[in-house]
Amino acid sequence: MKSFRTLLIAAIRHVLLVWGIALACLTYFSNKPADQRLGWYIAAAALILFHALVRVRQTRLQARLAAS
């Protein structure tokens, strides 16, 4: 990592992934019942999946623009 600024920029670009992983970690270490934890795991997975979909869409758009 070049600097703290680079780390912050990367965190902003990958905010959904960071929040999804943080939510999954917090849920793993919580003392809530299993049925409540399942809902939080689903929310974390949804954030991570949405991040992946946004990245794929962005990559395809950049490739399409580069080909033009």
C-alpha atoms as a PDB file:
ATOM      1  CA  MET A   1       0.000   0.000   0.000  1.00  0.00           C
ATOM      2  CA  LYS A   2       1.504   3.321  -1.017  1.00  0.00           C
ATOM      3  CA  SER A   3      -0.207   5.462   1.566  1.00  0.00           C
ATOM      4  CA  PHE A   4      -3.188   5.851   3.813  1.00  0.00           C
ATOM      5  CA  ARG A   5      -4.885   7.847   1.058  1.00  0.00           C
ATOM      6  CA  THR A   6      -4.633   4.863  -1.302  1.00  0.00           C
ATOM      7  CA  LEU A   7      -6.194   2.649   1.348  1.00  0.00           C
ATOM      8  CA  LEU A   8      -9.107   5.058   1.803  1.00  0.00           C
ATOM      9  CA  ILE A   9      -9.716   5.303  -1.942  1.00  0.00           C
ATOM     10  CA  ALA A  10      -9.750   1.508  -2.233  1.00  0.00           C
ATOM     11  CA  ALA A  11     -12.178   1.246   0.698  1.00  0.00           C
ATOM     12  CA  ILE A  12     -14.504   3.761  -0.934  1.00  0.00           C
ATOM     13  CA  ARG A  13     -14.422   1.901  -4.246  1.00  0.00           C
ATOM     14  CA  HIS A  14     -15.180  -1.377  -2.515  1.00  0.00           C
ATOM     15  CA  VAL A  15     -17.543  -0.065   0.164  1.00  0.00           C
ATOM     16  CA  LEU A  16     -20.177  -2.764  -0.400  1.00  0.00           C
ATOM     17  CA  LEU A  17     -17.583  -5.515  -0.116  1.00  0.00           C
ATOM     18  CA  VAL A  18     -16.092  -3.977   3.036  1.00  0.00           C
ATOM     19  CA  TRP A  19     -19.512  -3.616   4.682  1.00  0.00           C
ATOM     20  CA  GLY A  20     -20.511  -7.141   3.677  1.00  0.00           C
ATOM     21  CA  ILE A  21     -17.376  -8.696   5.134  1.00  0.00           C
ATOM     22  CA  ALA A  22     -17.616  -6.569   8.289  1.00  0.00           C
ATOM     23  CA  LEU A  23     -21.253  -7.551   8.759  1.00  0.00           C
ATOM     24  CA  ALA A  24     -20.437 -11.241   8.305  1.00  0.00           C
ATOM     25  CA  CYS A  25     -17.602 -10.995  10.850  1.00  0.00           C
ATOM     26  CA  LEU A  26     -19.736  -9.158  13.385  1.00  0.00           C
ATOM     27  CA  THR A  27     -22.511 -11.712  12.947  1.00  0.00           C
ATOM     28  CA  TYR A  28     -20.097 -14.609  13.400  1.00  0.00           C
ATOM     29  CA  PHE A  29     -18.928 -13.275  16.753  1.00  0.00           C
ATOM     30  CA  SER A  30     -22.370 -12.251  18.022  1.00  0.00           C
ATOM     31  CA  ASN A  31     -24.337 -14.130  20.678  1.00  0.00           C
ATOM     32  CA  LYS A  32     -27.675 -13.872  18.895  1.00  0.00           C
ATOM     33  CA  PRO A  33     -29.872 -16.924  18.218  1.00  0.00           C
ATOM     34  CA  ALA A  34     -29.240 -18.865  15.005  1.00  0.00           C
ATOM     35  CA  ASP A  35     -32.417 -17.652  13.265  1.00  0.00           C
ATOM     36  CA  GLN A  36     -31.418 -14.004  13.767  1.00  0.00           C
ATOM     37  CA  ARG A  37     -27.866 -14.678  12.612  1.00  0.00           C
ATOM     38  CA  LEU A  38     -29.124 -16.277   9.404  1.00  0.00           C
ATOM     39  CA  GLY A  39     -30.854 -13.044   8.414  1.00  0.00           C
ATOM     40  CA  TRP A  40     -27.678 -11.032   9.008  1.00  0.00           C
ATOM     41  CA  TYR A  41     -25.637 -13.553   6.996  1.00  0.00           C
ATOM     42  CA  ILE A  42     -28.107 -13.182   4.134  1.00  0.00           C
ATOM     43  CA  ALA A  43     -27.779  -9.403   4.298  1.00  0.00           C
ATOM     44  CA  ALA A  44     -23.972  -9.675   4.252  1.00  0.00           C
ATOM     45  CA  ALA A  45     -24.081 -12.066   1.298  1.00  0.00           C
ATOM     46  CA  ALA A  46     -26.422  -9.702  -0.544  1.00  0.00           C
ATOM     47  CA  LEU A  47     -23.986  -6.797  -0.070  1.00  0.00           C
ATOM     48  CA  ILE A  48     -21.064  -8.874  -1.320  1.00  0.00           C
ATOM     49  CA  LEU A  49     -23.052 -10.169  -4.303  1.00  0.00           C
ATOM     50  CA  PHE A  50     -24.256  -6.666  -5.183  1.00  0.00           C
ATOM     51  CA  HIS A  51     -20.634  -5.479  -5.095  1.00  0.00           C
ATOM     52  CA  ALA A  52     -19.666  -8.231  -7.541  1.00  0.00           C
ATOM     53  CA  LEU A  53     -22.543  -7.356  -9.875  1.00  0.00           C
ATOM     54  CA  VAL A  54     -21.608  -3.665  -9.866  1.00  0.00           C
ATOM     55  CA  ARG A  55     -17.958  -4.501 -10.615  1.00  0.00           C
ATOM     56  CA  VAL A  56     -18.875  -6.848 -13.493  1.00  0.00           C
ATOM     57  CA  ARG A  57     -21.210  -4.263 -14.965  1.00  0.00           C
ATOM     58  CA  GLN A  58     -18.580  -1.556 -14.662  1.00  0.00           C
ATOM     59  CA  THR A  59     -15.918  -3.744 -16.282  1.00  0.00           C
ATOM     60  CA  ARG A  60     -18.192  -4.610 -19.196  1.00  0.00           C
ATOM     61  CA  LEU A  61     -19.061  -0.954 -19.707  1.00  0.00           C
ATOM     62  CA  GLN A  62     -15.376   0.039 -19.737  1.00  0.00           C
ATOM     63  CA  ALA A  63     -14.586  -2.747 -22.203  1.00  0.00           C
ATOM     64  CA  ARG A  64     -17.418  -1.630 -24.446  1.00  0.00           C
ATOM     65  CA  LEU A  65     -16.221   1.973 -24.338  1.00  0.00           C
ATOM     66  CA  ALA A  66     -12.641   0.924 -25.088  1.00  0.00           C
ATOM     67  CA  ALA A  67     -13.789  -1.086 -28.121  1.00  0.00           C
ATOM     68  CA  SER A  68     -15.648   1.897 -29.573  1.00  0.00           C
END
